[in-house]
């Protein structure tokens, strides 16, 4: 598998992660909502990455928030965690997008030299 396909598999996987995080943030005010988490898996022989599973996080609301959120919906979504994961995921997505752009530019230059 070439570099382009490896990066494309990563882009697809990171896109799924971003959608799951966005859904968690959208449900921050939903009573009883359990945040979802995505588990990624590396493909054999460094051939890329794929989404292994999307699962509900079965943890309860953190103790430190119980007192401050008594009048808010009770769920296990922590906005700070979601934004931190979103930023990390966005950085990984951007790095792989740069690989795709660079390969595209290199192929374009090669074609221009051949023509």
N, C-alpha and C. Protein backbone atom coordinates (compact mmCIF):
# COMPACT_ATOMS: atom_id res chain seq x y z
N UNK A 1 0.86 -1.18 0.00
CA UNK A 1 0.00 0.00 0.00
C UNK A 1 0.90 1.24 0.00
N UNK A 2 0.57 2.21 -0.78
CA UNK A 2 1.42 3.39 -0.87
C UNK A 2 1.08 4.43 0.20
N UNK A 3 1.92 5.43 0.29
CA UNK A 3 1.76 6.48 1.30
C UNK A 3 0.41 7.17 1.19
N UNK A 4 -0.05 7.39 -0.02
CA UNK A 4 -1.33 8.06 -0.23
C UNK A 4 -2.47 7.25 0.39
N UNK A 5 -2.49 5.96 0.14
CA UNK A 5 -3.56 5.13 0.69
C UNK A 5 -3.49 5.03 2.22
N UNK A 6 -2.28 5.01 2.76
CA UNK A 6 -2.12 4.99 4.22
C UNK A 6 -2.70 6.27 4.81
N UNK A 7 -2.36 7.41 4.22
CA UNK A 7 -2.87 8.68 4.72
C UNK A 7 -4.38 8.80 4.53
N UNK A 8 -4.89 8.29 3.44
CA UNK A 8 -6.35 8.33 3.22
C UNK A 8 -7.09 7.48 4.25
N UNK A 9 -6.53 6.34 4.61
CA UNK A 9 -7.18 5.51 5.64
C UNK A 9 -7.18 6.26 6.97
N UNK A 10 -6.09 6.97 7.25
CA UNK A 10 -6.04 7.76 8.48
C UNK A 10 -7.05 8.91 8.44
N UNK A 11 -7.15 9.59 7.30
CA UNK A 11 -8.12 10.68 7.18
C UNK A 11 -9.54 10.19 7.42
N UNK A 12 -9.89 9.05 6.84
CA UNK A 12 -11.22 8.49 7.05
C UNK A 12 -11.46 8.15 8.52
N UNK A 13 -10.46 7.58 9.16
CA UNK A 13 -10.59 7.21 10.57
C UNK A 13 -10.71 8.45 11.46
N UNK A 14 -9.85 9.43 11.23
CA UNK A 14 -9.90 10.65 12.04
C UNK A 14 -11.18 11.43 11.81
N UNK A 15 -11.74 11.35 10.61
CA UNK A 15 -13.03 11.97 10.34
C UNK A 15 -14.12 11.34 11.21
N UNK A 16 -14.09 10.02 11.33
CA UNK A 16 -15.07 9.32 12.18
C UNK A 16 -14.90 9.74 13.63
N UNK A 17 -13.66 9.83 14.09
CA UNK A 17 -13.40 10.25 15.47
C UNK A 17 -13.96 11.65 15.70
N UNK A 18 -13.73 12.55 14.77
CA UNK A 18 -14.21 13.93 14.92
C UNK A 18 -15.73 13.97 14.99
N UNK A 19 -16.39 13.15 14.18
CA UNK A 19 -17.85 13.10 14.21
C UNK A 19 -18.37 12.59 15.55
N UNK A 20 -17.70 11.60 16.12
CA UNK A 20 -18.12 11.06 17.42
C UNK A 20 -17.93 12.11 18.51
N UNK A 21 -16.80 12.81 18.48
CA UNK A 21 -16.55 13.86 19.46
C UNK A 21 -17.60 14.96 19.33
N UNK A 22 -17.90 15.37 18.11
CA UNK A 22 -18.91 16.41 17.88
C UNK A 22 -20.27 15.97 18.43
N UNK A 23 -20.59 14.71 18.27
CA UNK A 23 -21.85 14.19 18.80
C UNK A 23 -21.86 14.24 20.33
N UNK A 24 -20.72 13.93 20.95
CA UNK A 24 -20.63 14.03 22.41
C UNK A 24 -20.87 15.46 22.87
N UNK A 25 -20.23 16.42 22.20
CA UNK A 25 -20.38 17.82 22.57
C UNK A 25 -21.83 18.27 22.36
N UNK A 26 -22.44 17.83 21.28
CA UNK A 26 -23.83 18.21 21.00
C UNK A 26 -24.79 17.67 22.05
N UNK A 27 -24.41 16.61 22.74
CA UNK A 27 -25.28 16.00 23.75
C UNK A 27 -24.88 16.33 25.17
N UNK A 28 -24.09 17.37 25.35
CA UNK A 28 -23.62 17.71 26.69
C UNK A 28 -24.78 18.06 27.63
N UNK A 29 -25.88 18.53 27.10
CA UNK A 29 -27.03 18.88 27.93
C UNK A 29 -28.13 17.82 27.92
N UNK A 30 -27.81 16.62 27.47
CA UNK A 30 -28.79 15.55 27.41
C UNK A 30 -28.68 14.67 28.65
N UNK A 31 -29.73 14.63 29.44
CA UNK A 31 -29.75 13.79 30.64
C UNK A 31 -29.50 12.34 30.28
N UNK A 32 -28.61 11.69 31.02
CA UNK A 32 -28.37 10.27 30.86
C UNK A 32 -27.53 9.88 29.66
N UNK A 33 -27.06 10.85 28.90
CA UNK A 33 -26.24 10.54 27.72
C UNK A 33 -24.90 9.99 28.16
N UNK A 34 -24.44 8.96 27.49
CA UNK A 34 -23.10 8.41 27.72
C UNK A 34 -22.23 8.74 26.52
N UNK A 35 -21.09 9.35 26.80
CA UNK A 35 -20.16 9.72 25.73
C UNK A 35 -19.70 8.47 24.99
N UNK A 36 -19.46 8.63 23.71
CA UNK A 36 -18.92 7.55 22.88
C UNK A 36 -17.42 7.76 22.70
N UNK A 37 -16.70 6.68 22.55
CA UNK A 37 -15.27 6.71 22.29
C UNK A 37 -14.95 5.82 21.10
N UNK A 38 -13.99 6.24 20.30
CA UNK A 38 -13.58 5.49 19.13
C UNK A 38 -12.23 4.82 19.43
N UNK A 39 -12.14 3.56 19.09
CA UNK A 39 -10.87 2.86 19.21
C UNK A 39 -10.35 2.61 17.80
N UNK A 40 -9.13 3.11 17.53
CA UNK A 40 -8.50 2.91 16.24
C UNK A 40 -7.57 1.72 16.31
N UNK A 41 -7.39 1.08 15.17
CA UNK A 41 -6.50 -0.07 15.09
C UNK A 41 -5.58 0.10 13.89
N UNK A 42 -4.31 -0.19 14.12
CA UNK A 42 -3.34 -0.14 13.03
C UNK A 42 -3.53 -1.38 12.16
N UNK A 43 -3.54 -1.18 10.87
CA UNK A 43 -3.66 -2.30 9.94
C UNK A 43 -2.34 -3.06 9.89
N UNK A 44 -2.38 -4.34 9.55
CA UNK A 44 -1.14 -5.14 9.49
C UNK A 44 -0.10 -4.54 8.54
N UNK A 45 1.16 -4.76 8.86
CA UNK A 45 2.28 -4.32 8.01
C UNK A 45 2.30 -2.82 7.76
N UNK A 46 1.86 -2.04 8.74
CA UNK A 46 1.86 -0.57 8.61
C UNK A 46 1.11 -0.10 7.37
N UNK A 47 -0.03 -0.71 7.11
CA UNK A 47 -0.81 -0.38 5.92
C UNK A 47 -1.85 0.72 6.17
N UNK A 48 -1.84 1.32 7.34
CA UNK A 48 -2.78 2.38 7.63
C UNK A 48 -3.46 2.15 8.96
N UNK A 49 -4.61 2.76 9.11
CA UNK A 49 -5.36 2.67 10.36
C UNK A 49 -6.84 2.57 10.02
N UNK A 50 -7.59 1.93 10.92
CA UNK A 50 -9.03 1.83 10.70
C UNK A 50 -9.74 1.97 12.05
N UNK A 51 -11.03 2.26 11.99
CA UNK A 51 -11.85 2.32 13.21
C UNK A 51 -12.16 0.89 13.62
N UNK A 52 -11.68 0.52 14.79
CA UNK A 52 -11.93 -0.82 15.32
C UNK A 52 -13.33 -0.91 15.92
N UNK A 53 -13.68 0.12 16.74
CA UNK A 53 -15.01 0.12 17.35
C UNK A 53 -15.36 1.51 17.84
N UNK A 54 -16.65 1.75 17.95
CA UNK A 54 -17.19 2.92 18.62
C UNK A 54 -18.01 2.37 19.77
N UNK A 55 -17.66 2.78 20.98
CA UNK A 55 -18.34 2.22 22.15
C UNK A 55 -18.80 3.32 23.09
N UNK A 56 -19.84 3.01 23.83
CA UNK A 56 -20.32 3.92 24.86
C UNK A 56 -19.37 3.86 26.04
N UNK A 57 -19.05 5.00 26.57
CA UNK A 57 -18.22 5.05 27.77
C UNK A 57 -19.15 4.87 28.97
N UNK A 58 -18.90 3.86 29.73
CA UNK A 58 -19.81 3.52 30.83
C UNK A 58 -19.42 4.12 32.17
N UNK A 59 -18.59 5.14 32.15
CA UNK A 59 -18.23 5.78 33.39
C UNK A 59 -19.31 6.77 33.80
N UNK A 60 -19.37 7.03 35.07
CA UNK A 60 -20.33 8.01 35.56
C UNK A 60 -19.69 9.37 35.57
N UNK A 61 -20.51 10.33 35.90
CA UNK A 61 -20.04 11.71 35.96
C UNK A 61 -18.92 11.83 37.00
N UNK A 62 -17.87 12.55 36.70
CA UNK A 62 -16.77 12.70 37.66
C UNK A 62 -17.23 13.33 38.96
N UNK A 63 -16.70 12.84 40.08
CA UNK A 63 -17.08 13.34 41.40
C UNK A 63 -16.88 14.83 41.53
N UNK A 64 -15.78 15.33 40.99
CA UNK A 64 -15.47 16.75 41.15
C UNK A 64 -16.53 17.65 40.51
N UNK A 65 -17.32 17.11 39.60
CA UNK A 65 -18.34 17.91 38.94
C UNK A 65 -19.72 17.75 39.57
N UNK A 66 -19.91 16.73 40.39
CA UNK A 66 -21.24 16.47 40.93
C UNK A 66 -21.83 17.66 41.66
N UNK A 67 -21.03 18.33 42.44
CA UNK A 67 -21.55 19.45 43.22
C UNK A 67 -21.87 20.65 42.35
N UNK A 68 -21.07 20.90 41.34
CA UNK A 68 -21.25 22.10 40.53
C UNK A 68 -22.29 21.92 39.42
N UNK A 69 -22.68 20.69 39.12
CA UNK A 69 -23.62 20.45 38.02
C UNK A 69 -24.97 19.94 38.51
N UNK A 70 -25.33 20.20 39.76
CA UNK A 70 -26.57 19.62 40.29
C UNK A 70 -27.81 20.07 39.54
N UNK A 71 -27.81 21.28 39.00
CA UNK A 71 -28.99 21.76 38.27
C UNK A 71 -28.88 21.54 36.77
N UNK A 72 -27.79 20.91 36.32
CA UNK A 72 -27.60 20.64 34.90
C UNK A 72 -27.87 19.18 34.60
N UNK A 73 -28.06 18.83 33.34
CA UNK A 73 -28.27 17.42 32.98
C UNK A 73 -27.13 16.55 33.49
N UNK A 74 -27.48 15.35 33.93
CA UNK A 74 -26.50 14.42 34.45
C UNK A 74 -26.05 13.47 33.35
N UNK A 75 -24.78 13.58 32.96
CA UNK A 75 -24.19 12.68 31.97
C UNK A 75 -22.68 12.66 32.20
N UNK A 76 -21.97 11.91 31.41
CA UNK A 76 -20.53 11.79 31.63
C UNK A 76 -19.68 12.55 30.60
N UNK A 77 -20.27 13.53 29.93
CA UNK A 77 -19.54 14.31 28.94
C UNK A 77 -18.78 15.43 29.65
N UNK A 78 -17.46 15.46 29.45
CA UNK A 78 -16.62 16.52 30.00
C UNK A 78 -16.13 17.37 28.83
N UNK A 79 -16.55 18.60 28.79
CA UNK A 79 -16.22 19.47 27.67
C UNK A 79 -14.71 19.63 27.49
N UNK A 80 -13.97 19.75 28.58
CA UNK A 80 -12.51 19.90 28.46
C UNK A 80 -11.89 18.68 27.80
N UNK A 81 -12.35 17.50 28.18
CA UNK A 81 -11.81 16.28 27.57
C UNK A 81 -12.17 16.21 26.09
N UNK A 82 -13.40 16.55 25.76
CA UNK A 82 -13.84 16.49 24.37
C UNK A 82 -13.03 17.45 23.50
N UNK A 83 -12.81 18.66 23.99
CA UNK A 83 -12.05 19.63 23.20
C UNK A 83 -10.58 19.23 23.08
N UNK A 84 -10.03 18.67 24.14
CA UNK A 84 -8.65 18.20 24.08
C UNK A 84 -8.50 17.10 23.04
N UNK A 85 -9.43 16.14 23.05
CA UNK A 85 -9.39 15.06 22.07
C UNK A 85 -9.64 15.58 20.66
N UNK A 86 -10.51 16.59 20.55
CA UNK A 86 -10.80 17.16 19.24
C UNK A 86 -9.56 17.83 18.66
N UNK A 87 -8.81 18.55 19.49
CA UNK A 87 -7.59 19.22 19.03
C UNK A 87 -6.54 18.20 18.63
N UNK A 88 -6.35 17.16 19.44
CA UNK A 88 -5.39 16.10 19.10
C UNK A 88 -5.76 15.43 17.79
N UNK A 89 -7.03 15.12 17.64
CA UNK A 89 -7.51 14.47 16.43
C UNK A 89 -7.34 15.38 15.22
N UNK A 90 -7.64 16.67 15.40
CA UNK A 90 -7.49 17.62 14.30
C UNK A 90 -6.03 17.72 13.86
N UNK A 91 -5.11 17.71 14.81
CA UNK A 91 -3.68 17.77 14.46
C UNK A 91 -3.25 16.54 13.66
N UNK A 92 -3.73 15.37 14.07
CA UNK A 92 -3.40 14.14 13.34
C UNK A 92 -4.01 14.17 11.95
N UNK A 93 -5.24 14.66 11.84
CA UNK A 93 -5.91 14.78 10.54
C UNK A 93 -5.12 15.72 9.63
N UNK A 94 -4.74 16.88 10.18
CA UNK A 94 -4.00 17.87 9.38
C UNK A 94 -2.66 17.33 8.90
N UNK A 95 -1.98 16.57 9.74
CA UNK A 95 -0.69 15.98 9.34
C UNK A 95 -0.88 15.04 8.16
N UNK A 96 -1.91 14.21 8.21
CA UNK A 96 -2.17 13.28 7.11
C UNK A 96 -2.66 14.01 5.86
N UNK A 97 -3.42 15.07 6.04
CA UNK A 97 -3.87 15.86 4.89
C UNK A 97 -2.66 16.51 4.20
N UNK A 98 -1.66 16.91 4.99
CA UNK A 98 -0.45 17.49 4.40
C UNK A 98 0.30 16.45 3.57
N UNK A 99 0.32 15.22 4.03
CA UNK A 99 0.96 14.14 3.25
C UNK A 99 0.27 14.00 1.90
N UNK A 100 -1.07 14.02 1.90
CA UNK A 100 -1.83 13.90 0.65
C UNK A 100 -1.53 15.09 -0.26
N UNK A 101 -1.52 16.30 0.29
CA UNK A 101 -1.22 17.49 -0.52
C UNK A 101 0.19 17.42 -1.11
N UNK A 102 1.15 17.00 -0.30
CA UNK A 102 2.53 16.91 -0.77
C UNK A 102 2.67 15.88 -1.89
N UNK A 103 2.05 14.72 -1.70
CA UNK A 103 2.12 13.71 -2.76
C UNK A 103 1.45 14.20 -4.03
N UNK A 104 0.33 14.87 -3.89
CA UNK A 104 -0.37 15.43 -5.04
C UNK A 104 0.52 16.44 -5.78
N UNK A 105 1.19 17.28 -5.03
CA UNK A 105 2.10 18.27 -5.63
C UNK A 105 3.25 17.58 -6.35
N UNK A 106 3.81 16.55 -5.74
CA UNK A 106 4.93 15.83 -6.36
C UNK A 106 4.50 15.16 -7.66
N UNK A 107 3.34 14.54 -7.66
CA UNK A 107 2.83 13.89 -8.87
C UNK A 107 2.58 14.94 -9.96
N UNK A 108 2.03 16.09 -9.55
CA UNK A 108 1.80 17.17 -10.52
C UNK A 108 3.07 17.66 -11.15
N UNK A 109 4.11 17.82 -10.35
CA UNK A 109 5.40 18.26 -10.89
C UNK A 109 6.00 17.20 -11.82
N UNK A 110 5.84 15.95 -11.48
CA UNK A 110 6.34 14.87 -12.32
C UNK A 110 5.62 14.86 -13.67
N UNK A 111 4.32 15.01 -13.64
CA UNK A 111 3.54 15.04 -14.88
C UNK A 111 3.96 16.24 -15.74
N UNK A 112 4.18 17.38 -15.10
CA UNK A 112 4.60 18.58 -15.86
C UNK A 112 5.95 18.37 -16.53
N UNK A 113 6.84 17.64 -15.89
CA UNK A 113 8.16 17.37 -16.48
C UNK A 113 8.07 16.36 -17.63
N UNK A 114 7.10 15.47 -17.54
CA UNK A 114 6.94 14.45 -18.58
C UNK A 114 6.22 14.99 -19.81
N UNK A 115 5.46 16.03 -19.63
CA UNK A 115 4.65 16.57 -20.75
C UNK A 115 5.42 17.57 -21.55
